[in-house]
Amino acid sequence: MKYQVEIKINRSIDEVIPLFDSFENLKKWQPGLQSFEHLEGTPGENGAKTRLIYIEKGGRNVEMIETIINRNLPEEFTATYDAKGVKNWVKNQFVESGANQTRWINENIFNFTGFMKIMGFLMKSAFPKQTLKDMALFKDFVEASPKK
C-alpha cells in the first residue's frame, strides 16, 4: 500500500525542523510512545537503528525498529519502521510555504506479511487517516511551542 499526505504548519521551516529532529520531542506529540532505545550507528544519522515501543489503544505493546535511510533535513528524512508483520517506508519532506508556514509532505509505503496482510487490506483507508492525525498532533505541538 502506498499513499502521500500533507499538512501545513503555521511556523517557519527554521522553527519546525529542530522540533521534528529531536527524539526528546517525540513523546510530546506521539502520545502512545513509551520508550526509545538507540541500538546501533550514530544516533540520528543515516544507518542508525532505534527501538521504539508504543502502547496502542487497548493496551497492547507494539515494538518497532526505526532505521534511518536518508537524513537531509529539511529536504528529506526517510526511514523504515519494522514491526511484526509490517514494514513501513516513510519519506518526510519539509518545504517553506511563505515566511511563517511550512508544508510537511509525508509519503508511505507499507508491506505486510502474515495476518497483517488481511488487516492492511481491510483497513487500508485507515492508514492515511491515522498518518494525518499524527501529523496534526505534531502541527499542534509546533504551533503551541514558544516562538523563537
C-alpha atoms as a PDB file:
ATOM      1  CA  MET A   1       0.000   0.000   0.000  1.00  0.00           C
ATOM      2  CA  LYS A   2       1.307   3.440  -0.952  1.00  0.00           C
ATOM      3  CA  TYR A   3      -0.029   6.914  -0.173  1.00  0.00           C
ATOM      4  CA  GLN A   4       1.021  10.520   0.343  1.00  0.00           C
ATOM      5  CA  VAL A   5      -0.478  13.094   2.695  1.00  0.00           C
ATOM      6  CA  GLU A   6       0.485  16.627   3.638  1.00  0.00           C
ATOM      7  CA  ILE A   7      -0.269  19.305   6.170  1.00  0.00           C
ATOM      8  CA  LYS A   8       0.596  22.981   6.574  1.00  0.00           C
ATOM      9  CA  ILE A   9       2.219  24.096   9.816  1.00  0.00           C
ATOM     10  CA  ASN A  10       1.909  27.755  10.783  1.00  0.00           C
ATOM     11  CA  ARG A  11       5.570  28.222  11.683  1.00  0.00           C
ATOM     12  CA  SER A  12       8.713  28.878   9.697  1.00  0.00           C
ATOM     13  CA  ILE A  13      10.749  25.940   8.470  1.00  0.00           C
ATOM     14  CA  ASP A  14      13.580  27.118  10.770  1.00  0.00           C
ATOM     15  CA  GLU A  15      11.283  26.579  13.772  1.00  0.00           C
ATOM     16  CA  VAL A  16       9.757  23.297  12.549  1.00  0.00           C
ATOM     17  CA  ILE A  17      12.911  21.314  11.757  1.00  0.00           C
ATOM     18  CA  PRO A  18      14.585  21.421  15.205  1.00  0.00           C
ATOM     19  CA  LEU A  19      11.324  20.303  16.824  1.00  0.00           C
ATOM     20  CA  PHE A  20      10.909  17.435  14.331  1.00  0.00           C
ATOM     21  CA  ASP A  21      14.565  16.417  14.511  1.00  0.00           C
ATOM     22  CA  SER A  22      14.569  15.571  18.236  1.00  0.00           C
ATOM     23  CA  PHE A  23      13.941  12.187  19.851  1.00  0.00           C
ATOM     24  CA  GLU A  24      13.198  14.008  23.110  1.00  0.00           C
ATOM     25  CA  ASN A  25      10.226  15.741  21.459  1.00  0.00           C
ATOM     26  CA  LEU A  26       8.633  12.503  20.202  1.00  0.00           C
ATOM     27  CA  LYS A  27       6.770  11.855  23.464  1.00  0.00           C
ATOM     28  CA  LYS A  28       5.329  15.384  23.293  1.00  0.00           C
ATOM     29  CA  TRP A  29       3.400  14.662  20.099  1.00  0.00           C
ATOM     30  CA  GLN A  30       3.240  10.859  19.922  1.00  0.00           C
ATOM     31  CA  PRO A  31       1.076  10.000  22.939  1.00  0.00           C
ATOM     32  CA  GLY A  32       1.439   6.210  22.626  1.00  0.00           C
ATOM     33  CA  LEU A  33       5.248   6.285  22.672  1.00  0.00           C
ATOM     34  CA  GLN A  34       6.548   4.641  25.840  1.00  0.00           C
ATOM     35  CA  SER A  35      10.265   4.417  25.168  1.00  0.00           C
ATOM     36  CA  PHE A  36      13.034   4.575  22.607  1.00  0.00           C
ATOM     37  CA  GLU A  37      16.423   2.932  22.727  1.00  0.00           C
ATOM     38  CA  HIS A  38      19.338   3.558  20.407  1.00  0.00           C
ATOM     39  CA  LEU A  39      20.609   0.236  19.025  1.00  0.00           C
ATOM     40  CA  GLU A  40      23.377   0.956  16.528  1.00  0.00           C
ATOM     41  CA  GLY A  41      25.051   3.583  14.363  1.00  0.00           C
ATOM     42  CA  THR A  42      25.407   7.261  15.182  1.00  0.00           C
ATOM     43  CA  PRO A  43      22.114   8.483  16.726  1.00  0.00           C
ATOM     44  CA  GLY A  44      20.058  10.484  14.228  1.00  0.00           C
ATOM     45  CA  GLU A  45      22.344   9.743  11.292  1.00  0.00           C
ATOM     46  CA  ASN A  46      21.987   7.529   8.214  1.00  0.00           C
ATOM     47  CA  GLY A  47      22.092   3.853   9.190  1.00  0.00           C
ATOM     48  CA  ALA A  48      21.181   4.433  12.851  1.00  0.00           C
ATOM     49  CA  LYS A  49      18.724   1.964  14.369  1.00  0.00           C
ATOM     50  CA  THR A  50      16.391   2.749  17.267  1.00  0.00           C
ATOM     51  CA  ARG A  51      13.865   0.531  19.076  1.00  0.00           C
ATOM     52  CA  LEU A  52      10.547   2.318  19.648  1.00  0.00           C
ATOM     53  CA  ILE A  53       7.880   0.911  21.973  1.00  0.00           C
ATOM     54  CA  TYR A  54       4.294   2.135  21.730  1.00  0.00           C
ATOM     55  CA  ILE A  55       1.144   1.232  23.620  1.00  0.00           C
ATOM     56  CA  GLU A  56      -1.848   1.018  21.302  1.00  0.00           C
ATOM     57  CA  LYS A  57      -5.418   1.704  22.300  1.00  0.00           C
ATOM     58  CA  GLY A  58      -6.451  -1.394  24.191  1.00  0.00           C
ATOM     59  CA  GLY A  59      -3.106  -1.650  25.967  1.00  0.00           C
ATOM     60  CA  ARG A  60      -1.146  -3.835  23.525  1.00  0.00           C
ATOM     61  CA  ASN A  61       2.596  -3.102  23.226  1.00  0.00           C
ATOM     62  CA  VAL A  62       3.976  -2.593  19.735  1.00  0.00           C
ATOM     63  CA  GLU A  63       7.709  -2.663  19.174  1.00  0.00           C
ATOM     64  CA  MET A  64       9.276  -1.342  16.010  1.00  0.00           C
ATOM     65  CA  ILE A  65      12.783  -0.722  14.778  1.00  0.00           C
ATOM     66  CA  GLU A  66      13.467   2.569  13.012  1.00  0.00           C
ATOM     67  CA  THR A  67      16.338   2.574  10.529  1.00  0.00           C
ATOM     68  CA  ILE A  68      17.313   5.971   9.147  1.00  0.00           C
ATOM     69  CA  ILE A  69      17.831   5.749   5.386  1.00  0.00           C
ATOM     70  CA  ASN A  70      18.391   9.410   4.456  1.00  0.00           C
ATOM     71  CA  ARG A  71      18.591  12.309   6.890  1.00  0.00           C
ATOM     72  CA  ASN A  72      18.988  15.501   4.903  1.00  0.00           C
ATOM     73  CA  LEU A  73      16.582  17.897   6.591  1.00  0.00           C
ATOM     74  CA  PRO A  74      14.597  19.864   5.607  1.00  0.00           C
ATOM     75  CA  GLU A  75      14.642  18.325   2.138  1.00  0.00           C
ATOM     76  CA  GLU A  76      14.252  14.736   3.306  1.00  0.00           C
ATOM     77  CA  PHE A  77      14.050  12.411   6.268  1.00  0.00           C
ATOM     78  CA  THR A  78      13.479   8.835   5.135  1.00  0.00           C
ATOM     79  CA  ALA A  79      13.340   5.849   7.450  1.00  0.00           C
ATOM     80  CA  THR A  80      11.952   2.352   7.630  1.00  0.00           C
ATOM     81  CA  TYR A  81       9.902   1.045  10.551  1.00  0.00           C
ATOM     82  CA  ASP A  82       9.872  -2.715  11.063  1.00  0.00           C
ATOM     83  CA  ALA A  83       7.291  -4.337  13.336  1.00  0.00           C
ATOM     84  CA  LYS A  84       5.743  -7.786  13.487  1.00  0.00           C
ATOM     85  CA  GLY A  85       4.039  -8.331  10.136  1.00  0.00           C
ATOM     86  CA  VAL A  86       4.681  -4.789   8.847  1.00  0.00           C
ATOM     87  CA  LYS A  87       7.475  -2.881   7.166  1.00  0.00           C
ATOM     88  CA  ASN A  88       6.772   0.810   6.633  1.00  0.00           C
ATOM     89  CA  TRP A  89       8.969   3.064   4.471  1.00  0.00           C
ATOM     90  CA  VAL A  90       8.375   6.759   5.259  1.00  0.00           C
ATOM     91  CA  LYS A  91       9.725   9.813   3.445  1.00  0.00           C
ATOM     92  CA  ASN A  92       9.206  13.219   5.061  1.00  0.00           C
ATOM     93  CA  GLN A  93       9.851  16.476   3.237  1.00  0.00           C
ATOM     94  CA  PHE A  94       9.513  19.996   4.585  1.00  0.00           C
ATOM     95  CA  VAL A  95       9.025  22.892   2.185  1.00  0.00           C
ATOM     96  CA  GLU A  96       8.892  26.576   3.032  1.00  0.00           C
ATOM     97  CA  SER A  97       5.435  27.849   2.173  1.00  0.00           C
ATOM     98  CA  GLY A  98       5.653  31.540   2.970  1.00  0.00           C
ATOM     99  CA  ALA A  99       7.514  33.402   5.699  1.00  0.00           C
ATOM    100  CA  ASN A 100       5.790  31.629   8.579  1.00  0.00           C
ATOM    101  CA  GLN A 101       4.382  28.466   7.066  1.00  0.00           C
ATOM    102  CA  THR A 102       5.861  25.060   6.333  1.00  0.00           C
ATOM    103  CA  ARG A 103       4.380  22.334   4.166  1.00  0.00           C
ATOM    104  CA  TRP A 104       5.065  18.825   5.506  1.00  0.00           C
ATOM    105  CA  ILE A 105       4.783  16.110   2.844  1.00  0.00           C
ATOM    106  CA  ASN A 106       4.696  12.526   4.080  1.00  0.00           C
ATOM    107  CA  GLU A 107       4.919   9.553   1.715  1.00  0.00           C
ATOM    108  CA  ASN A 108       4.360   5.987   2.978  1.00  0.00           C
ATOM    109  CA  ILE A 109       4.803   2.523   1.566  1.00  0.00           C
ATOM    110  CA  PHE A 110       3.561  -0.383   3.685  1.00  0.00           C
ATOM    111  CA  ASN A 111       4.438  -4.029   3.118  1.00  0.00           C
ATOM    112  CA  PHE A 112       2.501  -6.581   5.148  1.00  0.00           C
ATOM    113  CA  THR A 113       3.115 -10.245   5.918  1.00  0.00           C
ATOM    114  CA  GLY A 114       1.017 -12.943   7.552  1.00  0.00           C
ATOM    115  CA  PHE A 115      -2.149 -11.853   9.354  1.00  0.00           C
ATOM    116  CA  MET A 116      -1.238  -8.195   8.829  1.00  0.00           C
ATOM    117  CA  LYS A 117      -1.864  -8.632   5.074  1.00  0.00           C
ATOM    118  CA  ILE A 118      -5.543  -9.112   5.889  1.00  0.00           C
ATOM    119  CA  MET A 119      -5.587  -6.167   8.309  1.00  0.00           C
ATOM    120  CA  GLY A 120      -3.813  -3.953   5.772  1.00  0.00           C
ATOM    121  CA  PHE A 121      -6.364  -4.840   3.108  1.00  0.00           C
ATOM    122  CA  LEU A 122      -9.402  -4.395   5.363  1.00  0.00           C
ATOM    123  CA  MET A 123      -8.188  -1.169   6.932  1.00  0.00           C
ATOM    124  CA  LYS A 124      -6.340   0.465   4.033  1.00  0.00           C
ATOM    125  CA  SER A 125      -8.318   3.718   4.283  1.00  0.00           C
ATOM    126  CA  ALA A 126      -7.475   3.985   7.996  1.00  0.00           C
ATOM    127  CA  PHE A 127      -3.726   4.284   7.410  1.00  0.00           C
ATOM    128  CA  PRO A 128      -3.709   7.710   5.662  1.00  0.00           C
ATOM    129  CA  LYS A 129      -6.252   8.992   8.197  1.00  0.00           C
ATOM    130  CA  GLN A 130      -4.022   7.902  11.094  1.00  0.00           C
ATOM    131  CA  THR A 131      -0.965   9.450   9.460  1.00  0.00           C
ATOM    132  CA  LEU A 132      -2.799  12.776   9.089  1.00  0.00           C
ATOM    133  CA  LYS A 133      -3.953  12.553  12.705  1.00  0.00           C
ATOM    134  CA  ASP A 134      -0.348  12.031  13.840  1.00  0.00           C
ATOM    135  CA  MET A 135       0.831  14.899  11.644  1.00  0.00           C
ATOM    136  CA  ALA A 136      -1.860  17.144  13.152  1.00  0.00           C
ATOM    137  CA  LEU A 137      -0.532  16.282  16.634  1.00  0.00           C
ATOM    138  CA  PHE A 138       2.928  17.441  15.537  1.00  0.00           C
ATOM    139  CA  LYS A 139       1.442  20.590  13.949  1.00  0.00           C
ATOM    140  CA  ASP A 140      -0.373  21.398  17.219  1.00  0.00           C
ATOM    141  CA  PHE A 141       2.813  20.768  19.219  1.00  0.00           C
ATOM    142  CA  VAL A 142       4.858  23.079  16.965  1.00  0.00           C
ATOM    143  CA  GLU A 143       2.258  25.830  16.877  1.00  0.00           C
ATOM    144  CA  ALA A 144       1.915  25.732  20.700  1.00  0.00           C
ATOM    145  CA  SER A 145       5.696  25.897  21.202  1.00  0.00           C
ATOM    146  CA  PRO A 146       7.209  29.272  22.118  1.00  0.00           C
ATOM    147  CA  LYS A 147       8.266  31.300  19.079  1.00  0.00           C
ATOM    148  CA  LYS A 148      11.965  31.850  18.590  1.00  0.00           C
END
